PDB file of N, CA and C in Angstrom:
ATOM      1  N   MET A   1      43.318  47.629  78.313  1.00  0.00           N
ATOM      2  CA  MET A   1      42.836  46.522  76.859  1.00  0.00           C
ATOM      3  C   MET A   1      41.274  46.460  76.817  1.00  0.00           C
ATOM      4  N   GLY A   2      39.835  46.474  75.862  1.00  0.00           N
ATOM      5  CA  GLY A   2      39.116  45.878  76.287  1.00  0.00           C
ATOM      6  C   GLY A   2      38.607  44.956  75.949  1.00  0.00           C
ATOM      7  N   VAL A   3      37.488  44.323  75.891  1.00  0.00           N
ATOM      8  CA  VAL A   3      37.177  43.217  75.231  1.00  0.00           C
ATOM      9  C   VAL A   3      36.092  43.129  73.900  1.00  0.00           C
ATOM     10  N   ASP A   4      36.532  42.524  73.507  1.00  0.00           N
ATOM     11  CA  ASP A   4      35.508  43.267  72.073  1.00  0.00           C
ATOM     12  C   ASP A   4      34.839  41.697  72.165  1.00  0.00           C
ATOM     13  N   TRP A   5      33.833  41.720  71.622  1.00  0.00           N
ATOM     14  CA  TRP A   5      32.276  40.503  70.870  1.00  0.00           C
ATOM     15  C   TRP A   5      32.249  40.236  70.476  1.00  0.00           C
ATOM     16  N   TYR A   6      31.742  39.256  69.600  1.00  0.00           N
ATOM     17  CA  TYR A   6      31.558  39.096  68.012  1.00  0.00           C
ATOM     18  C   TYR A   6      30.592  38.229  68.082  1.00  0.00           C
ATOM     19  N   ALA A   7      29.625  38.106  66.958  1.00  0.00           N
ATOM     20  CA  ALA A   7      29.226  36.813  66.387  1.00  0.00           C
ATOM     21  C   ALA A   7      29.802  35.460  65.725  1.00  0.00           C
ATOM     22  N   CYS A   8      29.721  34.544  65.387  1.00  0.00           N
ATOM     23  CA  CYS A   8      30.034  33.933  64.615  1.00  0.00           C
ATOM     24  C   CYS A   8      29.410  33.210  63.498  1.00  0.00           C
ATOM     25  N   SER A   9      30.504  33.919  62.841  1.00  0.00           N
ATOM     26  CA  SER A   9      29.421  33.619  61.252  1.00  0.00           C
ATOM     27  C   SER A   9      28.666  32.569  60.674  1.00  0.00           C
ATOM     28  N   HIS A  10      28.966  31.505  61.622  1.00  0.00           N
ATOM     29  CA  HIS A  10      28.737  30.157  61.896  1.00  0.00           C
ATOM     30  C   HIS A  10      27.043  29.742  62.653  1.00  0.00           C
ATOM     31  N   CYS A  11      27.469  29.944  63.419  1.00  0.00           N
ATOM     32  CA  CYS A  11      25.975  28.963  64.055  1.00  0.00           C
ATOM     33  C   CYS A  11      25.669  30.666  64.958  1.00  0.00           C
ATOM     34  N   GLY A  12      26.635  31.578  65.074  1.00  0.00           N
ATOM     35  CA  GLY A  12      25.275  33.340  65.618  1.00  0.00           C
ATOM     36  C   GLY A  12      25.430  33.101  67.108  1.00  0.00           C
ATOM     37  N   GLU A  13      26.152  32.364  67.595  1.00  0.00           N
ATOM     38  CA  GLU A  13      26.797  32.732  69.489  1.00  0.00           C
ATOM     39  C   GLU A  13      27.410  33.772  69.264  1.00  0.00           C
ATOM     40  N   THR A  14      27.719  34.031  70.565  1.00  0.00           N
ATOM     41  CA  THR A  14      27.825  35.433  70.524  1.00  0.00           C
ATOM     42  C   THR A  14      29.905  34.777  70.881  1.00  0.00           C
ATOM     43  N   TYR A  15      30.843  35.286  71.067  1.00  0.00           N
ATOM     44  CA  TYR A  15      32.080  35.608  71.917  1.00  0.00           C
ATOM     45  C   TYR A  15      32.934  36.207  71.353  1.00  0.00           C
ATOM     46  N   PRO A  16      34.064  36.369  72.873  1.00  0.00           N
ATOM     47  CA  PRO A  16      35.105  37.128  73.064  1.00  0.00           C
ATOM     48  C   PRO A  16      36.247  37.717  72.335  1.00  0.00           C
ATOM     49  N   ASP A  17      36.965  38.118  71.605  1.00  0.00           N
ATOM     50  CA  ASP A  17      38.208  38.039  71.078  1.00  0.00           C
ATOM     51  C   ASP A  17      39.663  37.775  72.112  1.00  0.00           C
ATOM     52  N   CYS A  18      38.746  37.873  72.909  1.00  0.00           N
ATOM     53  CA  CYS A  18      40.043  36.807  73.600  1.00  0.00           C
ATOM     54  C   CYS A  18      41.044  35.575  73.523  1.00  0.00           C
ATOM     55  N   GLY A  19      39.273  35.508  73.566  1.00  0.00           N
ATOM     56  CA  GLY A  19      39.193  33.382  73.920  1.00  0.00           C
ATOM     57  C   GLY A  19      39.945  33.051  72.191  1.00  0.00           C
ATOM     58  N   ARG A  20      39.472  31.634  72.268  1.00  0.00           N
ATOM     59  CA  ARG A  20      39.595  30.693  70.840  1.00  0.00           C
ATOM     60  C   ARG A  20      38.828  31.542  69.621  1.00  0.00           C
ATOM     61  N   CYS A  21      39.597  31.430  68.881  1.00  0.00           N
ATOM     62  CA  CYS A  21      38.696  32.457  67.356  1.00  0.00           C
ATOM     63  C   CYS A  21      39.332  32.211  66.460  1.00  0.00           C
ATOM     64  N   GLY A  22      38.409  32.469  65.468  1.00  0.00           N
ATOM     65  CA  GLY A  22      38.916  32.482  64.032  1.00  0.00           C
ATOM     66  C   GLY A  22      38.573  33.415  62.514  1.00  0.00           C
ATOM     67  N   THR A  23      39.050  33.348  61.449  1.00  0.00           N
ATOM     68  CA  THR A  23      38.656  34.060  59.706  1.00  0.00           C
ATOM     69  C   THR A  23      39.465  32.958  59.091  1.00  0.00           C
ATOM     70  N   CYS A  24      38.442  33.645  58.489  1.00  0.00           N
ATOM     71  CA  CYS A  24      38.705  32.436  56.882  1.00  0.00           C
ATOM     72  C   CYS A  24      39.447  34.069  55.936  1.00  0.00           C
ATOM     73  N   ALA A  25      40.683  32.951  55.894  1.00  0.00           N
ATOM     74  CA  ALA A  25      41.343  34.082  55.323  1.00  0.00           C
ATOM     75  C   ALA A  25      40.408  34.565  53.397  1.00  0.00           C
ATOM     76  N   ASN A  26      40.075  33.583  53.157  1.00  0.00           N
ATOM     77  CA  ASN A  26      39.296  33.611  51.641  1.00  0.00           C
ATOM     78  C   ASN A  26      37.820  34.378  51.349  1.00  0.00           C
ATOM     79  N   CYS A  27      37.215  34.772  52.203  1.00  0.00           N
ATOM     80  CA  CYS A  27      36.203  35.196  53.077  1.00  0.00           C
ATOM     81  C   CYS A  27      35.590  36.374  54.158  1.00  0.00           C
ATOM     82  N   GLU A  28      36.815  36.252  54.826  1.00  0.00           N
ATOM     83  CA  GLU A  28      37.056  37.308  55.495  1.00  0.00           C
ATOM     84  C   GLU A  28      35.480  36.512  56.663  1.00  0.00           C
ATOM     85  N   GLN A  29      35.029  35.753  56.360  1.00  0.00           N
ATOM     86  CA  GLN A  29      34.647  35.606  57.969  1.00  0.00           C
ATOM     87  C   GLN A  29      34.760  34.782  59.299  1.00  0.00           C
ATOM     88  N   THR A  30      34.566  35.388  60.432  1.00  0.00           N
ATOM     89  CA  THR A  30      35.385  34.952  61.586  1.00  0.00           C
ATOM     90  C   THR A  30      33.993  33.881  62.256  1.00  0.00           C
ATOM     91  N   TYR A  31      34.448  33.013  63.318  1.00  0.00           N
ATOM     92  CA  TYR A  31      33.910  32.597  63.781  1.00  0.00           C
ATOM     93  C   TYR A  31      34.492  31.529  66.105  1.00  0.00           C
ATOM     94  N   CYS A  32      33.337  31.204  66.226  1.00  0.00           N
ATOM     95  CA  CYS A  32      33.491  31.076  67.642  1.00  0.00           C
ATOM     96  C   CYS A  32      34.951  29.881  67.337  1.00  0.00           C
ATOM     97  N   GLY A  33      35.870  29.877  68.845  1.00  0.00           N
ATOM     98  CA  GLY A  33      36.131  28.407  68.997  1.00  0.00           C
ATOM     99  C   GLY A  33      36.017  27.201  68.527  1.00  0.00           C
ATOM    100  N   GLY A  34      34.591  26.865  68.941  1.00  0.00           N
ATOM    101  CA  GLY A  34      34.023  25.891  68.206  1.00  0.00           C
ATOM    102  C   GLY A  34      33.778  25.359  66.764  1.00  0.00           C
ATOM    103  N   CYS A  35      33.749  26.196  66.151  1.00  0.00           N
ATOM    104  CA  CYS A  35      33.249  26.259  65.003  1.00  0.00           C
ATOM    105  C   CYS A  35      34.719  26.450  64.207  1.00  0.00           C
ATOM    106  N   TYR A  36      35.564  27.204  64.609  1.00  0.00           N
ATOM    107  CA  TYR A  36      36.631  27.879  64.011  1.00  0.00           C
ATOM    108  C   TYR A  36      37.369  26.448  63.873  1.00  0.00           C
ATOM    109  N   ASP A  37      37.362  25.626  64.961  1.00  0.00           N
ATOM    110  CA  ASP A  37      37.826  23.937  65.154  1.00  0.00           C
ATOM    111  C   ASP A  37      37.638  23.239  64.176  1.00  0.00           C
ATOM    112  N   GLU A  38      35.937  23.246  63.744  1.00  0.00           N
ATOM    113  CA  GLU A  38      35.612  22.296  63.048  1.00  0.00           C
ATOM    114  C   GLU A  38      36.002  22.495  62.071  1.00  0.00           C
ATOM    115  N   PHE A  39      36.107  23.476  61.607  1.00  0.00           N
ATOM    116  CA  PHE A  39      36.832  23.701  60.041  1.00  0.00           C
ATOM    117  C   PHE A  39      38.321  23.983  59.613  1.00  0.00           C
ATOM    118  N   VAL A  40      38.999  23.702  60.998  1.00  0.00           N
ATOM    119  CA  VAL A  40      40.376  24.379  60.746  1.00  0.00           C
ATOM    120  C   VAL A  40      39.961  21.841  60.537  1.00  0.00           C
ATOM    121  N   GLU A  41      39.719  21.155  61.561  1.00  0.00           N
ATOM    122  CA  GLU A  41      39.979  19.738  60.761  1.00  0.00           C
ATOM    123  C   GLU A  41      39.283  19.775  59.596  1.00  0.00           C
ATOM    124  N   LYS A  42      37.987  20.073  59.624  1.00  0.00           N
ATOM    125  CA  LYS A  42      38.209  19.606  57.082  1.00  0.00           C
ATOM    126  C   LYS A  42      38.747  20.570  56.478  1.00  0.00           C
ATOM    127  N   TYR A  43      39.594  22.193  56.914  1.00  0.00           N
ATOM    128  CA  TYR A  43      40.398  22.931  55.712  1.00  0.00           C
ATOM    129  C   TYR A  43      41.416  22.774  56.074  1.00  0.00           C
ATOM    130  N   GLY A  44      42.207  22.275  56.837  1.00  0.00           N
ATOM    131  CA  GLY A  44      43.851  23.553  57.612  1.00  0.00           C
ATOM    132  C   GLY A  44      43.577  24.205  58.168  1.00  0.00           C
ATOM    133  N   LEU A  45      44.894  24.889  57.404  1.00  0.00           N
ATOM    134  CA  LEU A  45      45.809  26.520  58.097  1.00  0.00           C
ATOM    135  C   LEU A  45      45.949  27.011  56.550  1.00  0.00           C
ATOM    136  N   LEU A  46      46.722  27.898  56.640  1.00  0.00           N
ATOM    137  CA  LEU A  46      46.581  28.665  55.872  1.00  0.00           C
ATOM    138  C   LEU A  46      48.677  28.180  55.460  1.00  0.00           C
ATOM    139  N   ASP A  47      49.105  27.940  55.214  1.00  0.00           N
ATOM    140  CA  ASP A  47      50.444  27.541  55.000  1.00  0.00           C
ATOM    141  C   ASP A  47      50.913  28.616  55.383  1.00  0.00           C
ATOM    142  N   GLU A  48      52.260  28.692  55.656  1.00  0.00           N
ATOM    143  CA  GLU A  48      53.398  29.882  55.567  1.00  0.00           C
ATOM    144  C   GLU A  48      53.760  30.532  54.393  1.00  0.00           C
ATOM    145  N   SER A  49      53.278  29.609  53.343  1.00  0.00           N
ATOM    146  CA  SER A  49      54.332  30.925  52.122  1.00  0.00           C
ATOM    147  C   SER A  49      53.243  31.256  51.958  1.00  0.00           C
ATOM    148  N   ASP A  50      51.552  30.541  52.056  1.00  0.00           N
ATOM    149  CA  ASP A  50      50.762  32.031  51.432  1.00  0.00           C
ATOM    150  C   ASP A  50      50.204  32.995  52.348  1.00  0.00           C
ATOM    151  N   GLU A  51      50.268  34.055  50.808  1.00  0.00           N
ATOM    152  CA  GLU A  51      50.714  35.307  50.967  1.00  0.00           C
ATOM    153  C   GLU A  51      49.808  35.792  52.270  1.00  0.00           C
ATOM    154  N   ARG A  52      49.590  35.134  52.013  1.00  0.00           N
ATOM    155  CA  ARG A  52      47.317  36.075  53.031  1.00  0.00           C
ATOM    156  C   ARG A  52      47.297  35.605  54.464  1.00  0.00           C
ATOM    157  N   SER A  53      48.901  35.252  55.073  1.00  0.00           N
ATOM    158  CA  SER A  53      48.955  34.335  56.245  1.00  0.00           C
ATOM    159  C   SER A  53      49.353  35.887  56.732  1.00  0.00           C
ATOM    160  N   ARG A  54      50.640  36.564  56.157  1.00  0.00           N
ATOM    161  CA  ARG A  54      50.748  38.104  56.163  1.00  0.00           C
ATOM    162  C   ARG A  54      49.867  38.497  56.973  1.00  0.00           C
ATOM    163  N   TRP A  55      48.703  38.772  56.716  1.00  0.00           N
ATOM    164  CA  TRP A  55      47.933  39.419  57.155  1.00  0.00           C
ATOM    165  C   TRP A  55      47.255  38.854  58.322  1.00  0.00           C
ATOM    166  N   TYR A  56      46.592  37.466  57.574  1.00  0.00           N
ATOM    167  CA  TYR A  56      45.773  37.195  58.999  1.00  0.00           C
ATOM    168  C   TYR A  56      46.515  35.554  59.834  1.00  0.00           C
ATOM    169  N   GLY A  57      47.605  35.809  59.422  1.00  0.00           N
ATOM    170  CA  GLY A  57      48.246  34.543  60.565  1.00  0.00           C
ATOM    171  C   GLY A  57      47.950  33.114  60.980  1.00  0.00           C
ATOM    172  N   GLU A  58      47.719  32.587  61.022  1.00  0.00           N
ATOM    173  CA  GLU A  58      46.833  31.491  61.258  1.00  0.00           C
ATOM    174  C   GLU A  58      45.165  31.729  60.964  1.00  0.00           C
ATOM    175  N   ALA A  59      45.047  31.104  60.202  1.00  0.00           N
ATOM    176  CA  ALA A  59      43.609  30.938  59.110  1.00  0.00           C
ATOM    177  C   ALA A  59      42.967  29.911  58.708  1.00  0.00           C
ATOM    178  N   LEU A  60      42.313  29.839  58.491  1.00  0.00           N
ATOM    179  CA  LEU A  60      40.995  29.071  57.091  1.00  0.00           C
ATOM    180  C   LEU A  60      42.237  29.435  55.999  1.00  0.00           C
ATOM    181  N   PRO A  61      41.288  28.349  55.195  1.00  0.00           N
ATOM    182  CA  PRO A  61      41.998  28.642  53.721  1.00  0.00           C
ATOM    183  C   PRO A  61      40.962  29.260  53.196  1.00  0.00           C
ATOM    184  N   GLU A  62      40.033  28.491  53.790  1.00  0.00           N
ATOM    185  CA  GLU A  62      38.426  28.863  53.377  1.00  0.00           C
ATOM    186  C   GLU A  62      37.499  27.685  54.598  1.00  0.00           C
ATOM    187  N   CYS A  63      36.386  28.154  53.957  1.00  0.00           N
ATOM    188  CA  CYS A  63      35.182  27.654  55.180  1.00  0.00           C
ATOM    189  C   CYS A  63      33.698  26.889  54.105  1.00  0.00           C
ATOM    190  N   ASP A  64      32.891  26.010  54.564  1.00  0.00           N
ATOM    191  CA  ASP A  64      31.878  26.731  54.256  1.00  0.00           C
ATOM    192  C   ASP A  64      31.288  26.862  53.255  1.00  0.00           C
ATOM    193  N   HIS A  65      31.189  29.064  54.342  1.00  0.00           N
ATOM    194  CA  HIS A  65      30.671  30.262  53.122  1.00  0.00           C
ATOM    195  C   HIS A  65      30.946  30.389  52.360  1.00  0.00           C
ATOM    196  N   CYS A  66      31.979  30.855  52.303  1.00  0.00           N
ATOM    197  CA  CYS A  66      32.553  31.024  51.217  1.00  0.00           C
ATOM    198  C   CYS A  66      32.247  29.984  49.671  1.00  0.00           C
ATOM    199  N   ASN A  67      32.671  28.305  49.636  1.00  0.00           N
ATOM    200  CA  ASN A  67      32.725  27.162  49.366  1.00  0.00           C
ATOM    201  C   ASN A  67      31.620  27.235  48.928  1.00  0.00           C
ATOM    202  N   GLY A  68      30.587  27.343  48.488  1.00  0.00           N
ATOM    203  CA  GLY A  68      29.062  27.461  49.007  1.00  0.00           C
ATOM    204  C   GLY A  68      28.798  25.972  49.163  1.00  0.00           C
ATOM    205  N   THR A  69      29.220  25.835  50.594  1.00  0.00           N
ATOM    206  CA  THR A  69      28.823  24.572  50.708  1.00  0.00           C
ATOM    207  C   THR A  69      27.618  24.793  51.641  1.00  0.00           C
ATOM    208  N   ILE A  70      27.518  25.943  52.405  1.00  0.00           N
ATOM    209  CA  ILE A  70      25.933  26.347  52.418  1.00  0.00           C
ATOM    210  C   ILE A  70      26.103  28.008  53.078  1.00  0.00           C
ATOM    211  N   VAL A  71      24.723  27.831  51.978  1.00  0.00           N
ATOM    212  CA  VAL A  71      24.941  29.345  51.079  1.00  0.00           C
ATOM    213  C   VAL A  71      22.984  29.423  51.656  1.00  0.00           C
ATOM    214  N   SER A  72      23.055  31.098  52.369  1.00  0.00           N
ATOM    215  CA  SER A  72      21.680  31.676  52.958  1.00  0.00           C
ATOM    216  C   SER A  72      20.722  32.093  51.982  1.00  0.00           C
ATOM    217  N   ASP A  73      19.436  31.195  52.929  1.00  0.00           N
ATOM    218  CA  ASP A  73      18.481  31.856  52.646  1.00  0.00           C
ATOM    219  C   ASP A  73      17.813  32.906  50.899  1.00  0.00           C
ATOM    220  N   SER A  74      18.785  33.640  51.678  1.00  0.00           N
ATOM    221  CA  SER A  74      18.863  34.899  50.838  1.00  0.00           C
ATOM    222  C   SER A  74      20.295  35.424  49.547  1.00  0.00           C
ATOM    223  N   GLU A  75      21.440  34.610  49.846  1.00  0.00           N
ATOM    224  CA  GLU A  75      22.254  34.132  48.525  1.00  0.00           C
ATOM    225  C   GLU A  75      21.081  33.914  47.607  1.00  0.00           C
ATOM    226  N   LEU A  76      20.467  32.715  47.440  1.00  0.00           N
ATOM    227  CA  LEU A  76      19.692  31.893  46.853  1.00  0.00           C
ATOM    228  C   LEU A  76      18.648  32.198  46.796  1.00  0.00           C
ATOM    229  N   LEU A  77      18.022  34.179  47.302  1.00  0.00           N
ATOM    230  CA  LEU A  77      17.121  34.167  46.040  1.00  0.00           C
ATOM    231  C   LEU A  77      17.630  35.035  45.715  1.00  0.00           C
ATOM    232  N   ALA A  78      18.699  35.594  45.741  1.00  0.00           N
ATOM    233  CA  ALA A  78      18.827  37.123  45.772  1.00  0.00           C
ATOM    234  C   ALA A  78      19.393  36.095  43.239  1.00  0.00           C
ATOM    235  N   PHE A  79      20.414  34.973  43.665  1.00  0.00           N
ATOM    236  CA  PHE A  79      20.833  34.092  42.471  1.00  0.00           C
ATOM    237  C   PHE A  79      19.866  33.903  41.832  1.00  0.00           C
ATOM    238  N   VAL A  80      18.172  33.435  42.532  1.00  0.00           N
ATOM    239  CA  VAL A  80      17.372  33.329  41.801  1.00  0.00           C
ATOM    240  C   VAL A  80      16.750  34.515  41.197  1.00  0.00           C
ATOM    241  N   LEU A  81      16.643  36.244  41.612  1.00  0.00           N
ATOM    242  CA  LEU A  81      15.539  37.084  41.232  1.00  0.00           C
ATOM    243  C   LEU A  81      17.036  37.132  39.529  1.00  0.00           C
ATOM    244  N   ARG A  82      18.205  37.006  40.107  1.00  0.00           N
ATOM    245  CA  ARG A  82      19.279  37.025  39.363  1.00  0.00           C
ATOM    246  C   ARG A  82      19.041  36.723  37.689  1.00  0.00           C
ATOM    247  N   ASN A  83      19.743  35.253  38.007  1.00  0.00           N
ATOM    248  CA  ASN A  83      19.442  34.563  36.930  1.00  0.00           C
ATOM    249  C   ASN A  83      17.339  34.180  35.790  1.00  0.00           C
ATOM    250  N   LEU A  84      16.708  34.593  36.870  1.00  0.00           N
ATOM    251  CA  LEU A  84      15.462  34.814  35.891  1.00  0.00           C
ATOM    252  C   LEU A  84      14.976  36.674  35.250  1.00  0.00           C
ATOM    253  N   GLY A  85      15.834  36.851  35.740  1.00  0.00           N
ATOM    254  CA  GLY A  85      16.306  37.826  35.235  1.00  0.00           C
ATOM    255  C   GLY A  85      14.855  39.437  35.627  1.00  0.00           C
ATOM    256  N   ILE A  86      14.626  39.698  36.906  1.00  0.00           N
ATOM    257  CA  ILE A  86      13.786  38.998  37.487  1.00  0.00           C
ATOM    258  C   ILE A  86      14.259  41.134  38.469  1.00  0.00           C
ATOM    259  N   ASP A  87      14.483  42.479  38.412  1.00  0.00           N
ATOM    260  CA  ASP A  87      14.561  42.581  39.848  1.00  0.00           C
ATOM    261  C   ASP A  87      13.735  43.221  41.116  1.00  0.00           C
ATOM    262  N   ARG A  88      14.249  43.006  42.095  1.00  0.00           N
ATOM    263  CA  ARG A  88      14.026  42.507  43.144  1.00  0.00           C
ATOM    264  C   ARG A  88      12.741  43.454  43.086  1.00  0.00           C
ATOM    265  N   GLU A  89      12.885  44.739  43.092  1.00  0.00           N
ATOM    266  CA  GLU A  89      11.444  45.628  43.719  1.00  0.00           C
ATOM    267  C   GLU A  89      10.685  45.807  42.720  1.00  0.00           C
ATOM    268  N   VAL A  90      10.558  44.887  41.406  1.00  0.00           N
ATOM    269  CA  VAL A  90       9.669  44.512  40.432  1.00  0.00           C
ATOM    270  C   VAL A  90       8.839  43.434  41.314  1.00  0.00           C
ATOM    271  N   PHE A  91       9.553  42.243  41.613  1.00  0.00           N
ATOM    272  CA  PHE A  91       9.104  41.157  42.146  1.00  0.00           C
ATOM    273  C   PHE A  91       8.743  41.437  43.729  1.00  0.00           C
ATOM    274  N   LEU A  92       9.220  42.616  44.733  1.00  0.00           N
ATOM    275  CA  LEU A  92       8.650  42.697  45.887  1.00  0.00           C
ATOM    276  C   LEU A  92       7.162  43.158  46.040  1.00  0.00           C
ATOM    277  N   GLU A  93       7.384  44.214  44.824  1.00  0.00           N
ATOM    278  CA  GLU A  93       5.771  44.987  44.541  1.00  0.00           C
ATOM    279  C   GLU A  93       4.833  43.590  44.464  1.00  0.00           C
ATOM    280  N   GLU A  94       5.311  42.722  42.753  1.00  0.00           N
ATOM    281  CA  GLU A  94       3.890  41.528  43.333  1.00  0.00           C
ATOM    282  C   GLU A  94       3.910  40.766  43.955  1.00  0.00           C
ATOM    283  N   TYR A  95       4.726  40.956  45.261  1.00  0.00           N
ATOM    284  CA  TYR A  95       4.491  40.490  46.483  1.00  0.00           C
ATOM    285  C   TYR A  95       3.440  40.223  46.987  1.00  0.00           C
ATOM    286  N   ARG A  96       3.905  41.637  47.558  1.00  0.00           N
ATOM    287  CA  ARG A  96       2.674  42.902  48.131  1.00  0.00           C
ATOM    288  C   ARG A  96       1.259  42.703  47.629  1.00  0.00           C
ATOM    289  N   VAL A  97       1.427  42.773  46.631  1.00  0.00           N
ATOM    290  CA  VAL A  97      -0.372  43.171  45.728  1.00  0.00           C
ATOM    291  C   VAL A  97      -0.189  41.425  46.092  1.00  0.00           C
ATOM    292  N   ILE A  98       0.118  39.956  45.540  1.00  0.00           N
ATOM    293  CA  ILE A  98      -1.011  39.694  46.509  1.00  0.00           C
ATOM    294  C   ILE A  98      -1.058  38.835  47.108  1.00  0.00           C
ATOM    295  N   LYS A  99      -0.354  39.438  48.587  1.00  0.00           N
ATOM    296  CA  LYS A  99      -0.599  39.664  50.381  1.00  0.00           C
ATOM    297  C   LYS A  99      -1.966  40.156  50.426  1.00  0.00           C
ATOM    298  N   LYS A 100      -1.598  41.017  50.348  1.00  0.00           N
ATOM    299  CA  LYS A 100      -3.383  41.978  50.000  1.00  0.00           C
ATOM    300  C   LYS A 100      -4.184  41.626  50.050  1.00  0.00           C
ATOM    301  N   GLU A 101      -4.405  40.613  48.572  1.00  0.00           N
ATOM    302  CA  GLU A 101      -5.249  40.137  47.602  1.00  0.00           C
ATOM    303  C   GLU A 101      -5.384  38.627  49.126  1.00  0.00           C
ATOM    304  N   ASP A 102      -4.727  37.855  49.855  1.00  0.00           N
ATOM    305  CA  ASP A 102      -4.653  36.728  49.862  1.00  0.00           C
ATOM    306  C   ASP A 102      -4.748  37.199  51.525  1.00  0.00           C
ATOM    307  N   ASP A 103      -5.188  37.995  52.221  1.00  0.00           N
ATOM    308  CA  ASP A 103      -4.842  39.006  53.056  1.00  0.00           C
ATOM    309  C   ASP A 103      -6.906  39.053  53.030  1.00  0.00           C
ATOM    310  N   ALA A 104      -6.518  40.225  51.490  1.00  0.00           N
ATOM    311  CA  ALA A 104      -8.405  40.155  52.342  1.00  0.00           C
ATOM    312  C   ALA A 104      -9.833  39.237  51.968  1.00  0.00           C
ATOM    313  N   LEU A 105      -8.972  37.548  51.069  1.00  0.00           N
ATOM    314  CA  LEU A 105      -9.704  36.486  51.086  1.00  0.00           C
ATOM    315  C   LEU A 105      -9.745  35.986  52.420  1.00  0.00           C
ATOM    316  N   SER A 106      -8.295  35.784  53.684  1.00  0.00           N
ATOM    317  CA  SER A 106      -8.522  35.509  54.618  1.00  0.00           C
ATOM    318  C   SER A 106     -10.142  36.081  55.457  1.00  0.00           C
ATOM    319  N   GLN A 107      -9.662  37.256  55.579  1.00  0.00           N
ATOM    320  CA  GLN A 107     -10.645  38.176  56.292  1.00  0.00           C
ATOM    321  C   GLN A 107     -12.348  38.030  56.199  1.00  0.00           C
ATOM    322  N   GLN A 108     -12.084  37.796  55.175  1.00  0.00           N
ATOM    323  CA  GLN A 108     -13.615  36.893  54.736  1.00  0.00           C
ATOM    324  C   GLN A 108     -14.521  35.705  54.463  1.00  0.00           C
TER     325      GLN A 108
END
């Protein structure tokens, strides 16, 4: 049986699946031992009566990533674009035009 390595969804460090690590039963993010323990202190573990415990066993009921405490820049940008009603591709094209203009001005 081999060892698989994963990247922690919180700190980005790699960790082996044979060591202390864990999962959020709400969003299915996986965490290294240190980050998992931090979230266990904050949110506890799934109660055995929770039906998700059959699938995940010992797991977090939620974490900072799925409850909105931590929001990535890409999630925030997608939210802003959607709420402003701007299509990503249209916005990207406008950005490229402005970037070219800025680059041309900086080279003068």
